[in-house]
Amino acid sequence: MKRIGLTVHPHDNVTTLLDFQVDATQTHDGQPVAAGIPFGHKAALRPIACGESIIKYGVVIGVATADIGTGEHVHVHNCQ
């Protein structure tokens, strides 16, 4: 089973996961995602460096507080 990721804008560097398949490690379009990311949370579409903007829906929604690898969970533990 593959995850459903919602990516709205071409400048987005995260996708929002819209299913409960937390054991799956790939989205429907082939993007890698870490296992265990909950429904509604974000995964990085590419590496995001510490200090870089987190972009969702084409809008800056935060800043990375640590380096984030492709497919990793993006949430309060690594962005603000």
N, C-alpha and C. Protein backbone atom coordinates (compact mmCIF):
# COMPACT_ATOMS: atom_id res chain seq x y z
N MET A 1 0.84 -1.18 0.00
CA MET A 1 0.00 0.00 0.00
C MET A 1 0.89 1.24 0.00
N LYS A 2 0.47 2.26 -0.69
CA LYS A 2 1.23 3.51 -0.76
C LYS A 2 0.45 4.63 -0.09
N ARG A 3 1.17 5.61 0.41
CA ARG A 3 0.57 6.76 1.09
C ARG A 3 -0.02 7.73 0.09
N ILE A 4 -1.01 8.48 0.53
CA ILE A 4 -1.59 9.56 -0.27
C ILE A 4 -0.99 10.86 0.25
N GLY A 5 -0.23 11.52 -0.60
CA GLY A 5 0.39 12.79 -0.25
C GLY A 5 -0.25 13.92 -1.04
N LEU A 6 -0.60 15.01 -0.35
CA LEU A 6 -1.17 16.17 -1.01
C LEU A 6 -0.11 17.26 -1.11
N THR A 7 0.27 17.57 -2.35
CA THR A 7 1.20 18.65 -2.62
C THR A 7 0.48 19.59 -3.58
N VAL A 8 0.27 20.84 -3.18
CA VAL A 8 -0.59 21.76 -3.92
C VAL A 8 0.18 22.67 -4.87
N HIS A 9 1.30 23.18 -4.43
CA HIS A 9 2.02 24.21 -5.18
C HIS A 9 3.39 23.69 -5.62
N PRO A 10 3.86 24.09 -6.80
CA PRO A 10 5.17 23.60 -7.26
C PRO A 10 6.35 24.02 -6.38
N HIS A 11 6.20 25.04 -5.56
CA HIS A 11 7.29 25.46 -4.67
C HIS A 11 7.25 24.77 -3.31
N ASP A 12 6.23 23.97 -3.05
CA ASP A 12 6.13 23.26 -1.76
C ASP A 12 7.34 22.35 -1.56
N ASN A 13 7.86 22.34 -0.33
CA ASN A 13 8.93 21.39 -0.02
C ASN A 13 8.46 20.33 0.98
N VAL A 14 7.15 20.32 1.25
CA VAL A 14 6.54 19.27 2.07
C VAL A 14 5.25 18.79 1.40
N THR A 15 4.87 17.57 1.73
CA THR A 15 3.58 17.03 1.30
C THR A 15 2.82 16.64 2.56
N THR A 16 1.50 16.76 2.52
CA THR A 16 0.66 16.40 3.66
C THR A 16 0.11 14.99 3.42
N LEU A 17 0.29 14.11 4.39
CA LEU A 17 -0.14 12.72 4.25
C LEU A 17 -1.59 12.57 4.68
N LEU A 18 -2.41 12.01 3.78
CA LEU A 18 -3.86 11.96 3.98
C LEU A 18 -4.41 10.55 4.09
N ASP A 19 -3.71 9.70 4.83
CA ASP A 19 -4.19 8.34 5.05
C ASP A 19 -3.60 7.81 6.36
N PHE A 20 -4.01 6.62 6.72
CA PHE A 20 -3.55 6.01 7.97
C PHE A 20 -2.57 4.86 7.73
N GLN A 21 -1.98 4.78 6.56
CA GLN A 21 -1.05 3.70 6.20
C GLN A 21 0.35 3.99 6.74
N VAL A 22 0.49 4.10 8.07
CA VAL A 22 1.74 4.56 8.67
C VAL A 22 2.92 3.61 8.46
N ASP A 23 2.68 2.39 8.02
CA ASP A 23 3.78 1.46 7.76
C ASP A 23 4.35 1.61 6.35
N ALA A 24 3.59 2.25 5.45
CA ALA A 24 4.05 2.42 4.07
C ALA A 24 5.17 3.46 4.02
N THR A 25 6.11 3.27 3.10
CA THR A 25 7.28 4.15 3.02
C THR A 25 7.41 4.83 1.65
N GLN A 26 6.30 4.91 0.94
CA GLN A 26 6.31 5.57 -0.36
C GLN A 26 4.92 6.14 -0.62
N THR A 27 4.87 7.30 -1.30
CA THR A 27 3.58 7.87 -1.67
C THR A 27 3.12 7.29 -2.99
N HIS A 28 1.89 7.58 -3.36
CA HIS A 28 1.30 7.09 -4.61
C HIS A 28 2.08 7.55 -5.83
N ASP A 29 2.82 8.67 -5.71
CA ASP A 29 3.60 9.16 -6.85
C ASP A 29 5.09 8.83 -6.72
N GLY A 30 5.45 7.92 -5.82
CA GLY A 30 6.81 7.43 -5.72
C GLY A 30 7.72 8.16 -4.75
N GLN A 31 7.20 9.15 -4.06
CA GLN A 31 8.00 9.93 -3.10
C GLN A 31 8.27 9.09 -1.86
N PRO A 32 9.53 8.99 -1.40
CA PRO A 32 9.79 8.25 -0.17
C PRO A 32 9.27 9.00 1.05
N VAL A 33 8.75 8.26 2.02
CA VAL A 33 8.32 8.84 3.30
C VAL A 33 8.73 7.89 4.41
N ALA A 34 9.07 8.45 5.55
CA ALA A 34 9.43 7.64 6.71
C ALA A 34 8.19 6.93 7.24
N ALA A 35 8.38 5.74 7.75
CA ALA A 35 7.29 5.01 8.39
C ALA A 35 6.89 5.73 9.67
N GLY A 36 5.62 5.64 10.01
CA GLY A 36 5.15 6.16 11.29
C GLY A 36 4.61 7.57 11.27
N ILE A 37 4.63 8.25 10.14
CA ILE A 37 4.12 9.63 10.10
C ILE A 37 2.59 9.58 10.14
N PRO A 38 1.97 10.26 11.13
CA PRO A 38 0.51 10.19 11.27
C PRO A 38 -0.26 10.92 10.16
N PHE A 39 -1.54 10.59 10.06
CA PHE A 39 -2.47 11.27 9.16
C PHE A 39 -2.41 12.77 9.40
N GLY A 40 -2.38 13.54 8.30
CA GLY A 40 -2.41 14.99 8.38
C GLY A 40 -1.08 15.66 8.65
N HIS A 41 -0.05 14.87 8.93
CA HIS A 41 1.26 15.44 9.17
C HIS A 41 2.03 15.56 7.86
N LYS A 42 3.15 16.26 7.89
CA LYS A 42 3.92 16.56 6.69
C LYS A 42 5.17 15.70 6.60
N ALA A 43 5.57 15.45 5.34
CA ALA A 43 6.84 14.79 5.04
C ALA A 43 7.61 15.68 4.07
N ALA A 44 8.92 15.71 4.21
CA ALA A 44 9.76 16.53 3.33
C ALA A 44 9.84 15.93 1.94
N LEU A 45 9.67 16.76 0.93
CA LEU A 45 9.76 16.31 -0.46
C LEU A 45 11.21 16.28 -0.96
N ARG A 46 12.07 16.97 -0.26
CA ARG A 46 13.49 17.05 -0.60
C ARG A 46 14.23 17.42 0.69
N PRO A 47 15.56 17.37 0.70
CA PRO A 47 16.26 17.80 1.91
C PRO A 47 15.98 19.27 2.20
N ILE A 48 15.76 19.57 3.47
CA ILE A 48 15.52 20.94 3.92
C ILE A 48 16.58 21.25 4.97
N ALA A 49 17.37 22.28 4.72
CA ALA A 49 18.46 22.63 5.63
C ALA A 49 17.95 23.41 6.83
N CYS A 50 18.65 23.27 7.94
CA CYS A 50 18.33 24.04 9.14
C CYS A 50 18.31 25.52 8.77
N GLY A 51 17.26 26.23 9.14
CA GLY A 51 17.12 27.65 8.83
C GLY A 51 16.34 27.93 7.55
N GLU A 52 16.09 26.88 6.76
CA GLU A 52 15.35 27.05 5.51
C GLU A 52 13.84 27.09 5.79
N SER A 53 13.11 27.81 4.96
CA SER A 53 11.66 27.91 5.09
C SER A 53 10.97 26.58 4.78
N ILE A 54 9.91 26.30 5.54
CA ILE A 54 9.02 25.17 5.25
C ILE A 54 7.88 25.76 4.43
N ILE A 55 7.67 25.22 3.23
CA ILE A 55 6.67 25.79 2.31
C ILE A 55 5.58 24.76 2.05
N LYS A 56 4.33 25.16 2.35
CA LYS A 56 3.15 24.33 2.14
C LYS A 56 2.09 25.20 1.48
N TYR A 57 1.44 24.71 0.44
CA TYR A 57 0.44 25.47 -0.31
C TYR A 57 1.04 26.74 -0.92
N GLY A 58 2.36 26.73 -1.16
CA GLY A 58 3.03 27.88 -1.74
C GLY A 58 3.31 28.99 -0.75
N VAL A 59 3.09 28.73 0.55
CA VAL A 59 3.24 29.74 1.59
C VAL A 59 4.24 29.25 2.64
N VAL A 60 5.07 30.14 3.14
CA VAL A 60 5.99 29.79 4.22
C VAL A 60 5.17 29.58 5.49
N ILE A 61 5.28 28.38 6.07
CA ILE A 61 4.54 28.07 7.29
C ILE A 61 5.45 27.90 8.49
N GLY A 62 6.75 27.98 8.29
CA GLY A 62 7.69 27.82 9.38
C GLY A 62 9.12 27.78 8.87
N VAL A 63 10.02 27.50 9.81
CA VAL A 63 11.45 27.43 9.50
C VAL A 63 12.01 26.16 10.13
N ALA A 64 12.84 25.45 9.39
CA ALA A 64 13.46 24.23 9.91
C ALA A 64 14.43 24.57 11.04
N THR A 65 14.31 23.85 12.14
CA THR A 65 15.22 24.06 13.27
C THR A 65 16.32 23.01 13.30
N ALA A 66 16.29 22.10 12.33
CA ALA A 66 17.31 21.06 12.17
C ALA A 66 17.30 20.66 10.69
N ASP A 67 18.35 20.02 10.25
CA ASP A 67 18.35 19.48 8.89
C ASP A 67 17.29 18.38 8.81
N ILE A 68 16.53 18.37 7.71
CA ILE A 68 15.45 17.40 7.51
C ILE A 68 15.72 16.69 6.19
N GLY A 69 15.78 15.38 6.23
CA GLY A 69 16.04 14.59 5.03
C GLY A 69 14.77 14.34 4.24
N THR A 70 14.95 13.98 2.98
CA THR A 70 13.82 13.64 2.12
C THR A 70 12.99 12.54 2.76
N GLY A 71 11.69 12.76 2.83
CA GLY A 71 10.76 11.77 3.37
C GLY A 71 10.59 11.81 4.87
N GLU A 72 11.39 12.61 5.57
CA GLU A 72 11.28 12.66 7.02
C GLU A 72 10.06 13.45 7.47
N HIS A 73 9.61 13.14 8.67
CA HIS A 73 8.48 13.80 9.31
C HIS A 73 8.86 15.27 9.58
N VAL A 74 7.99 16.18 9.18
CA VAL A 74 8.20 17.61 9.44
C VAL A 74 7.11 18.04 10.40
N HIS A 75 7.52 18.40 11.62
CA HIS A 75 6.55 18.76 12.66
C HIS A 75 7.27 19.61 13.71
N VAL A 76 6.67 19.81 14.85
CA VAL A 76 7.21 20.72 15.87
C VAL A 76 8.59 20.32 16.40
N HIS A 77 9.00 19.07 16.21
CA HIS A 77 10.31 18.64 16.70
C HIS A 77 11.46 19.12 15.80
N ASN A 78 11.15 19.57 14.58
CA ASN A 78 12.21 20.04 13.68
C ASN A 78 11.85 21.28 12.88
N CYS A 79 10.79 21.97 13.29
CA CYS A 79 10.47 23.27 12.69
C CYS A 79 9.68 24.11 13.67
N GLN A 80 9.71 25.40 13.42
CA GLN A 80 8.91 26.31 14.25
C GLN A 80 8.26 27.36 13.39
